[in-house]
Amino acid sequence: MLDYAAPQHFPRASAPMNDVMERYIANINDPDPEFAATAFADSYTGEDPVGTGLLELTRQGSMFDLDLFDVPFTPKKAELIAPVRTTFANSAAMAFTFWAEVDGREITIDIIDVMTFDADGKIVHIDAHWGVNTIRLVD
């Protein structure tokens, strides 16, 4: 039998992480020019998808320099497919479906993002877990 006692002191409150992750999805659906300034640390790292190499981005005002991204699709929308899962530490995960248009055709990608937060509750790292087996052609 597993003998496990939950920590008596939670180092981070889960509500702020949950809020930022839900706003991340909302920002895909209805872009807010101030989202980056309120949700991300001044610089952050990420792999999207994991295994393709680490990106390091620095925020300039309310925007990040997105010239590093060579994205061949147009984002359409995103929808959580399960509740955000927070931890006793400074990370949380969410599963969502992402819709995009590629060469005039609509696709979906099922993604699990794992985000790490700083002491101010801002995103400092994102690992996006998805691959060819999670991409579907809609039409």
Foldseek 3Di string as FASTA:
>chain_A
DDDDDPDPDQPDDCVLLQVLVVVVQVCLAPPDLQNQVVAADQKAWEDVAPPPDIDIWGDDHRHIPCPVDPDQKAWHHKDFPDGWADDSHFKIKTWMKTWIAHPNWIKIFIWIKMFGADPVSHTRYIHIDTDPVRMDTDD
